[in-house]
Amino acid sequence: MMKTFFKKSTKTDNDDMIVQGIWMSSFLLLIVQGTGAFKYTFAMGVLSGIVIVVNLFWLVKLSKKKMTKEQDNA
């Protein structure tokens, strides 16, 4: 995993980094919720909402890019 951070980034590496970021942020959110570090449920709700929206945005962006690549290849 660390090798991808130090490689010279190309477009595909950048997409992989975004996917890794989505996974890492989701797991961190689960860990924080599981440990109960946030006693304030409202703050936790806002934080998880922000993470989910950002992750969905990137997933939609990546899937659109993948679809256009497949159409170009067809």
N, C-alpha and C. Protein backbone atom coordinates (compact mmCIF):
# COMPACT_ATOMS: atom_id res chain seq x y z
N MET A 1 0.82 -1.19 0.00
CA MET A 1 0.00 0.00 0.00
C MET A 1 0.87 1.26 0.00
N MET A 2 1.96 1.23 0.76
CA MET A 2 2.80 2.41 0.85
C MET A 2 3.50 2.71 -0.47
N LYS A 3 3.73 1.68 -1.29
CA LYS A 3 4.42 1.90 -2.56
C LYS A 3 3.63 2.85 -3.45
N THR A 4 2.29 2.76 -3.41
CA THR A 4 1.48 3.61 -4.29
C THR A 4 1.62 5.08 -3.90
N PHE A 5 1.94 5.36 -2.63
CA PHE A 5 2.08 6.74 -2.21
C PHE A 5 3.36 7.37 -2.75
N PHE A 6 4.38 6.55 -2.96
CA PHE A 6 5.67 7.10 -3.36
C PHE A 6 5.93 7.00 -4.86
N LYS A 7 5.08 6.26 -5.57
CA LYS A 7 5.26 6.16 -7.02
C LYS A 7 4.92 7.48 -7.69
N LYS A 8 5.52 7.71 -8.84
CA LYS A 8 5.14 8.89 -9.63
C LYS A 8 3.71 8.67 -10.11
N SER A 9 2.85 9.62 -9.81
CA SER A 9 1.43 9.35 -10.03
C SER A 9 1.05 9.56 -11.48
N THR A 10 0.34 8.58 -12.02
CA THR A 10 -0.30 8.71 -13.32
C THR A 10 -1.80 8.74 -13.07
N LYS A 11 -2.58 8.80 -14.12
CA LYS A 11 -4.03 8.89 -13.94
C LYS A 11 -4.59 7.66 -13.22
N THR A 12 -4.15 6.46 -13.61
CA THR A 12 -4.70 5.25 -13.00
C THR A 12 -4.28 5.16 -11.53
N ASP A 13 -3.06 5.55 -11.23
CA ASP A 13 -2.62 5.53 -9.83
C ASP A 13 -3.46 6.49 -9.01
N ASN A 14 -3.80 7.62 -9.61
CA ASN A 14 -4.62 8.61 -8.92
C ASN A 14 -5.99 8.02 -8.58
N ASP A 15 -6.58 7.28 -9.52
CA ASP A 15 -7.86 6.64 -9.26
C ASP A 15 -7.73 5.62 -8.13
N ASP A 16 -6.64 4.86 -8.14
CA ASP A 16 -6.41 3.88 -7.07
C ASP A 16 -6.28 4.58 -5.72
N MET A 17 -5.61 5.72 -5.71
CA MET A 17 -5.46 6.47 -4.46
C MET A 17 -6.81 6.94 -3.94
N ILE A 18 -7.68 7.38 -4.86
CA ILE A 18 -9.01 7.83 -4.44
C ILE A 18 -9.78 6.67 -3.83
N VAL A 19 -9.70 5.50 -4.47
CA VAL A 19 -10.40 4.33 -3.95
C VAL A 19 -9.85 3.96 -2.57
N GLN A 20 -8.53 4.00 -2.42
CA GLN A 20 -7.93 3.72 -1.11
C GLN A 20 -8.39 4.72 -0.07
N GLY A 21 -8.50 5.98 -0.47
CA GLY A 21 -8.96 7.01 0.46
C GLY A 21 -10.39 6.76 0.90
N ILE A 22 -11.23 6.31 -0.03
CA ILE A 22 -12.62 6.00 0.31
C ILE A 22 -12.67 4.87 1.33
N TRP A 23 -11.91 3.81 1.07
CA TRP A 23 -11.90 2.68 2.01
C TRP A 23 -11.37 3.09 3.37
N MET A 24 -10.25 3.84 3.37
CA MET A 24 -9.64 4.21 4.65
C MET A 24 -10.55 5.11 5.46
N SER A 25 -11.21 6.08 4.81
CA SER A 25 -12.09 6.98 5.55
C SER A 25 -13.30 6.21 6.09
N SER A 26 -13.80 5.25 5.32
CA SER A 26 -14.94 4.46 5.79
C SER A 26 -14.56 3.62 7.00
N PHE A 27 -13.39 2.97 6.93
CA PHE A 27 -12.95 2.15 8.05
C PHE A 27 -12.67 3.00 9.29
N LEU A 28 -12.05 4.17 9.10
CA LEU A 28 -11.80 5.06 10.23
C LEU A 28 -13.10 5.48 10.89
N LEU A 29 -14.11 5.78 10.07
CA LEU A 29 -15.41 6.17 10.59
C LEU A 29 -16.02 5.04 11.42
N LEU A 30 -15.91 3.80 10.90
CA LEU A 30 -16.44 2.65 11.64
C LEU A 30 -15.71 2.46 12.96
N ILE A 31 -14.38 2.62 12.94
CA ILE A 31 -13.59 2.44 14.16
C ILE A 31 -13.97 3.48 15.20
N VAL A 32 -14.09 4.73 14.76
CA VAL A 32 -14.44 5.81 15.69
C VAL A 32 -15.82 5.59 16.29
N GLN A 33 -16.77 5.16 15.45
CA GLN A 33 -18.12 4.89 15.95
C GLN A 33 -18.10 3.70 16.91
N GLY A 34 -17.31 2.68 16.57
CA GLY A 34 -17.27 1.47 17.39
C GLY A 34 -16.66 1.72 18.77
N THR A 35 -15.64 2.55 18.85
CA THR A 35 -14.99 2.79 20.13
C THR A 35 -15.78 3.75 21.01
N GLY A 36 -16.74 4.45 20.40
CA GLY A 36 -17.54 5.39 21.18
C GLY A 36 -16.73 6.60 21.60
N ALA A 37 -15.70 6.95 20.80
CA ALA A 37 -14.87 8.11 21.14
C ALA A 37 -15.70 9.39 21.10
N PHE A 38 -16.70 9.41 20.19
CA PHE A 38 -17.58 10.57 20.11
C PHE A 38 -18.78 10.32 21.01
N LYS A 39 -18.88 11.08 22.09
CA LYS A 39 -20.04 10.95 22.97
C LYS A 39 -21.21 11.74 22.41
N TYR A 40 -20.90 12.74 21.55
CA TYR A 40 -21.95 13.60 21.02
C TYR A 40 -22.49 12.98 19.74
N THR A 41 -23.74 12.51 19.79
CA THR A 41 -24.30 11.81 18.64
C THR A 41 -24.51 12.76 17.46
N PHE A 42 -24.85 14.03 17.73
CA PHE A 42 -25.08 14.97 16.63
C PHE A 42 -23.79 15.19 15.85
N ALA A 43 -22.68 15.41 16.55
CA ALA A 43 -21.39 15.62 15.88
C ALA A 43 -21.00 14.39 15.07
N MET A 44 -21.27 13.20 15.64
CA MET A 44 -20.94 11.96 14.93
C MET A 44 -21.79 11.84 13.67
N GLY A 45 -23.06 12.22 13.78
CA GLY A 45 -23.94 12.16 12.62
C GLY A 45 -23.49 13.09 11.52
N VAL A 46 -23.09 14.30 11.90
CA VAL A 46 -22.61 15.27 10.91
C VAL A 46 -21.33 14.76 10.25
N LEU A 47 -20.40 14.26 11.06
CA LEU A 47 -19.13 13.76 10.54
C LEU A 47 -19.36 12.60 9.57
N SER A 48 -20.17 11.63 9.98
CA SER A 48 -20.40 10.47 9.11
C SER A 48 -21.14 10.89 7.85
N GLY A 49 -22.06 11.87 7.97
CA GLY A 49 -22.77 12.37 6.80
C GLY A 49 -21.81 12.98 5.79
N ILE A 50 -20.86 13.77 6.28
CA ILE A 50 -19.88 14.41 5.40
C ILE A 50 -19.03 13.36 4.70
N VAL A 51 -18.55 12.37 5.46
CA VAL A 51 -17.70 11.32 4.88
C VAL A 51 -18.46 10.54 3.83
N ILE A 52 -19.72 10.20 4.13
CA ILE A 52 -20.52 9.42 3.18
C ILE A 52 -20.77 10.21 1.90
N VAL A 53 -21.10 11.49 2.02
CA VAL A 53 -21.36 12.32 0.84
C VAL A 53 -20.10 12.45 -0.02
N VAL A 54 -18.96 12.70 0.61
CA VAL A 54 -17.70 12.83 -0.14
C VAL A 54 -17.35 11.53 -0.84
N ASN A 55 -17.51 10.40 -0.13
CA ASN A 55 -17.21 9.10 -0.73
C ASN A 55 -18.13 8.80 -1.91
N LEU A 56 -19.42 9.10 -1.76
CA LEU A 56 -20.35 8.88 -2.86
C LEU A 56 -20.00 9.74 -4.07
N PHE A 57 -19.61 10.99 -3.80
CA PHE A 57 -19.21 11.89 -4.88
C PHE A 57 -18.06 11.29 -5.68
N TRP A 58 -17.02 10.80 -4.97
CA TRP A 58 -15.86 10.24 -5.66
C TRP A 58 -16.21 8.95 -6.39
N LEU A 59 -17.07 8.12 -5.77
CA LEU A 59 -17.47 6.87 -6.43
C LEU A 59 -18.22 7.15 -7.73
N VAL A 60 -19.14 8.13 -7.70
CA VAL A 60 -19.88 8.49 -8.91
C VAL A 60 -18.92 9.02 -9.97
N LYS A 61 -17.97 9.87 -9.54
CA LYS A 61 -17.01 10.45 -10.48
C LYS A 61 -16.16 9.35 -11.13
N LEU A 62 -15.71 8.38 -10.32
CA LEU A 62 -14.89 7.30 -10.86
C LEU A 62 -15.70 6.40 -11.79
N SER A 63 -16.95 6.10 -11.43
CA SER A 63 -17.75 5.22 -12.28
C SER A 63 -18.08 5.89 -13.60
N LYS A 64 -18.31 7.22 -13.59
CA LYS A 64 -18.55 7.95 -14.84
C LYS A 64 -17.31 7.88 -15.73
N LYS A 65 -16.13 8.05 -15.10
CA LYS A 65 -14.87 8.01 -15.86
C LYS A 65 -14.68 6.63 -16.48
N LYS A 66 -15.00 5.57 -15.71
CA LYS A 66 -14.86 4.21 -16.20
C LYS A 66 -15.82 3.96 -17.36
N MET A 67 -17.05 4.48 -17.23
CA MET A 67 -18.04 4.29 -18.30
C MET A 67 -17.57 4.97 -19.59
N THR A 68 -17.03 6.18 -19.48
CA THR A 68 -16.57 6.88 -20.69
C THR A 68 -15.39 6.14 -21.31
N LYS A 69 -14.52 5.54 -20.47
CA LYS A 69 -13.40 4.76 -21.00
C LYS A 69 -13.92 3.57 -21.80
N GLU A 70 -14.94 2.87 -21.25
CA GLU A 70 -15.48 1.70 -21.94
C GLU A 70 -16.14 2.10 -23.25
N GLN A 71 -16.81 3.26 -23.27
CA GLN A 71 -17.45 3.72 -24.49
C GLN A 71 -16.41 4.09 -25.54
N ASP A 72 -15.30 4.66 -25.09
CA ASP A 72 -14.22 5.01 -26.03
C ASP A 72 -13.61 3.75 -26.64
N ASN A 73 -13.50 2.68 -25.82
CA ASN A 73 -12.91 1.44 -26.31
C ASN A 73 -13.84 0.69 -27.24
N ALA A 74 -15.14 0.85 -27.08
CA ALA A 74 -16.13 0.09 -27.87
C ALA A 74 -16.11 0.50 -29.34
